[in-house]
Amino acid sequence: MLLHALSTCITTDEIDASRSFYVQHFGARVVFDCGWYINLTIGKSASLQFMEPQGGQENAIPKA
């Protein structure tokens, strides 16, 4: 089995900081942004999503 794509979603209150970090340091491109959810692509086959907690979800990345 070959891996053709990789995608993960991280829950965080730091959507803007996450977007900025991956765009600046990894050359990510914003594909979708509705404020509480963003979809970034990195290279040809990797995507990364960040979303604000919904309905009592915990943050995957705690605030510093």
N, C-alpha and C. Protein backbone atom coordinates (compact mmCIF):
# COMPACT_ATOMS: atom_id res chain seq x y z
N MET A 1 0.84 -1.17 0.00
CA MET A 1 0.00 0.00 0.00
C MET A 1 0.89 1.24 0.00
N LEU A 2 0.61 2.17 -0.91
CA LEU A 2 1.35 3.42 -1.00
C LEU A 2 0.54 4.55 -0.40
N LEU A 3 1.21 5.42 0.31
CA LEU A 3 0.57 6.60 0.87
C LEU A 3 0.61 7.71 -0.17
N HIS A 4 -0.56 8.22 -0.57
CA HIS A 4 -0.62 9.26 -1.59
C HIS A 4 -0.94 10.63 -1.00
N ALA A 5 -1.48 10.67 0.19
CA ALA A 5 -1.82 11.94 0.81
C ALA A 5 -1.77 11.79 2.33
N LEU A 6 -1.55 12.91 2.99
CA LEU A 6 -1.51 12.94 4.44
C LEU A 6 -2.29 14.15 4.90
N SER A 7 -3.19 13.96 5.86
CA SER A 7 -4.01 15.05 6.35
C SER A 7 -4.30 14.86 7.83
N THR A 8 -4.21 15.93 8.59
CA THR A 8 -4.54 15.87 10.00
C THR A 8 -5.24 17.16 10.41
N CYS A 9 -6.04 17.09 11.46
CA CYS A 9 -6.75 18.27 11.96
C CYS A 9 -6.42 18.44 13.44
N ILE A 10 -6.01 19.65 13.80
CA ILE A 10 -5.63 19.97 15.17
C ILE A 10 -6.62 20.99 15.73
N THR A 11 -7.11 20.73 16.93
CA THR A 11 -8.04 21.64 17.60
C THR A 11 -7.26 22.61 18.46
N THR A 12 -7.46 23.91 18.24
CA THR A 12 -6.73 24.93 18.97
C THR A 12 -7.49 26.26 18.97
N ASP A 13 -7.27 27.08 19.97
CA ASP A 13 -7.80 28.43 20.01
C ASP A 13 -6.90 29.40 19.25
N GLU A 14 -5.75 28.93 18.80
CA GLU A 14 -4.74 29.78 18.17
C GLU A 14 -4.73 29.59 16.65
N ILE A 15 -5.87 29.78 16.00
CA ILE A 15 -5.98 29.60 14.56
C ILE A 15 -5.04 30.56 13.80
N ASP A 16 -5.09 31.84 14.14
CA ASP A 16 -4.27 32.83 13.43
C ASP A 16 -2.78 32.56 13.58
N ALA A 17 -2.35 32.25 14.79
CA ALA A 17 -0.94 31.97 15.04
C ALA A 17 -0.50 30.69 14.32
N SER A 18 -1.37 29.69 14.29
CA SER A 18 -1.05 28.44 13.60
C SER A 18 -0.89 28.68 12.10
N ARG A 19 -1.83 29.44 11.52
CA ARG A 19 -1.76 29.76 10.09
C ARG A 19 -0.45 30.48 9.79
N SER A 20 -0.15 31.52 10.55
CA SER A 20 1.06 32.31 10.32
C SER A 20 2.32 31.47 10.41
N PHE A 21 2.39 30.61 11.42
CA PHE A 21 3.56 29.77 11.61
C PHE A 21 3.82 28.86 10.42
N TYR A 22 2.79 28.14 9.97
CA TYR A 22 2.97 27.19 8.88
C TYR A 22 3.18 27.87 7.53
N VAL A 23 2.57 29.02 7.33
CA VAL A 23 2.79 29.77 6.09
C VAL A 23 4.23 30.29 6.06
N GLN A 24 4.67 30.88 7.17
CA GLN A 24 6.01 31.47 7.23
C GLN A 24 7.12 30.43 7.20
N HIS A 25 7.02 29.38 7.99
CA HIS A 25 8.13 28.45 8.17
C HIS A 25 8.10 27.23 7.24
N PHE A 26 6.94 26.89 6.71
CA PHE A 26 6.84 25.71 5.86
C PHE A 26 6.31 26.01 4.47
N GLY A 27 6.05 27.28 4.18
CA GLY A 27 5.54 27.65 2.87
C GLY A 27 4.14 27.11 2.59
N ALA A 28 3.36 26.91 3.65
CA ALA A 28 2.00 26.39 3.48
C ALA A 28 1.15 27.40 2.72
N ARG A 29 0.16 26.88 2.03
CA ARG A 29 -0.78 27.71 1.27
C ARG A 29 -2.17 27.52 1.87
N VAL A 30 -2.86 28.63 2.13
CA VAL A 30 -4.21 28.57 2.69
C VAL A 30 -5.18 28.21 1.57
N VAL A 31 -5.88 27.08 1.74
CA VAL A 31 -6.84 26.61 0.75
C VAL A 31 -8.26 27.03 1.14
N PHE A 32 -8.53 27.03 2.44
CA PHE A 32 -9.86 27.37 2.94
C PHE A 32 -9.69 28.03 4.30
N ASP A 33 -10.46 29.10 4.54
CA ASP A 33 -10.40 29.81 5.82
C ASP A 33 -11.77 30.42 6.09
N CYS A 34 -12.48 29.89 7.10
CA CYS A 34 -13.77 30.48 7.47
C CYS A 34 -13.70 31.08 8.88
N GLY A 35 -12.48 31.32 9.35
CA GLY A 35 -12.31 31.95 10.66
C GLY A 35 -12.07 30.95 11.78
N TRP A 36 -12.98 30.00 11.97
CA TRP A 36 -12.83 29.01 13.05
C TRP A 36 -12.21 27.70 12.54
N TYR A 37 -12.05 27.59 11.22
CA TYR A 37 -11.48 26.39 10.60
C TYR A 37 -10.65 26.81 9.40
N ILE A 38 -9.42 26.30 9.30
CA ILE A 38 -8.58 26.57 8.14
C ILE A 38 -8.02 25.27 7.59
N ASN A 39 -7.79 25.26 6.29
CA ASN A 39 -7.18 24.12 5.61
C ASN A 39 -5.95 24.64 4.89
N LEU A 40 -4.80 24.07 5.19
CA LEU A 40 -3.53 24.46 4.58
C LEU A 40 -2.98 23.29 3.77
N THR A 41 -2.28 23.58 2.68
CA THR A 41 -1.55 22.54 1.97
C THR A 41 -0.07 22.85 2.05
N ILE A 42 0.71 21.79 2.13
CA ILE A 42 2.16 21.90 2.16
C ILE A 42 2.68 20.94 1.11
N GLY A 43 3.36 21.46 0.11
CA GLY A 43 3.84 20.62 -0.97
C GLY A 43 2.69 20.10 -1.82
N LYS A 44 2.89 18.90 -2.37
CA LYS A 44 1.90 18.34 -3.29
C LYS A 44 0.89 17.40 -2.63
N SER A 45 1.23 16.81 -1.49
CA SER A 45 0.34 15.78 -0.97
C SER A 45 0.00 15.89 0.51
N ALA A 46 0.47 16.93 1.18
CA ALA A 46 0.17 17.06 2.61
C ALA A 46 -0.81 18.20 2.85
N SER A 47 -1.77 17.97 3.71
CA SER A 47 -2.66 19.04 4.12
C SER A 47 -2.78 19.01 5.63
N LEU A 48 -3.06 20.16 6.18
CA LEU A 48 -3.14 20.32 7.62
C LEU A 48 -4.31 21.24 7.91
N GLN A 49 -5.16 20.83 8.85
CA GLN A 49 -6.31 21.63 9.22
C GLN A 49 -6.21 22.01 10.69
N PHE A 50 -6.70 23.21 10.98
CA PHE A 50 -6.82 23.68 12.36
C PHE A 50 -8.24 24.14 12.56
N MET A 51 -8.82 23.80 13.71
CA MET A 51 -10.17 24.24 14.01
C MET A 51 -10.28 24.63 15.47
N GLU A 52 -11.13 25.62 15.75
CA GLU A 52 -11.40 26.00 17.13
C GLU A 52 -12.28 24.92 17.76
N PRO A 53 -12.15 24.71 19.07
CA PRO A 53 -12.97 23.71 19.76
C PRO A 53 -14.46 23.96 19.54
N GLN A 54 -15.21 22.91 19.37
CA GLN A 54 -16.65 22.99 19.15
C GLN A 54 -17.36 22.12 20.18
N GLY A 55 -18.42 22.59 20.75
CA GLY A 55 -19.27 21.79 21.62
C GLY A 55 -18.57 21.06 22.75
N GLY A 56 -17.70 21.76 23.48
CA GLY A 56 -17.06 21.16 24.64
C GLY A 56 -15.77 20.40 24.35
N GLN A 57 -15.29 20.42 23.10
CA GLN A 57 -14.02 19.76 22.77
C GLN A 57 -12.88 20.41 23.53
N GLU A 58 -11.86 19.63 23.77
CA GLU A 58 -10.63 20.14 24.38
C GLU A 58 -9.67 20.59 23.29
N ASN A 59 -8.76 21.50 23.62
CA ASN A 59 -7.71 21.91 22.71
C ASN A 59 -6.65 20.82 22.64
N ALA A 60 -6.17 20.55 21.43
CA ALA A 60 -5.05 19.62 21.26
C ALA A 60 -3.74 20.30 21.66
N ILE A 61 -3.69 21.62 21.46
CA ILE A 61 -2.50 22.39 21.80
C ILE A 61 -2.88 23.37 22.91
N PRO A 62 -2.43 23.11 24.13
CA PRO A 62 -2.81 24.00 25.24
C PRO A 62 -2.16 25.37 25.08
N LYS A 63 -2.82 26.40 25.60
CA LYS A 63 -2.27 27.75 25.58
C LYS A 63 -1.05 27.82 26.48
N ALA A 64 -0.05 28.60 26.05
CA ALA A 64 1.18 28.73 26.83
C ALA A 64 0.96 29.64 28.02
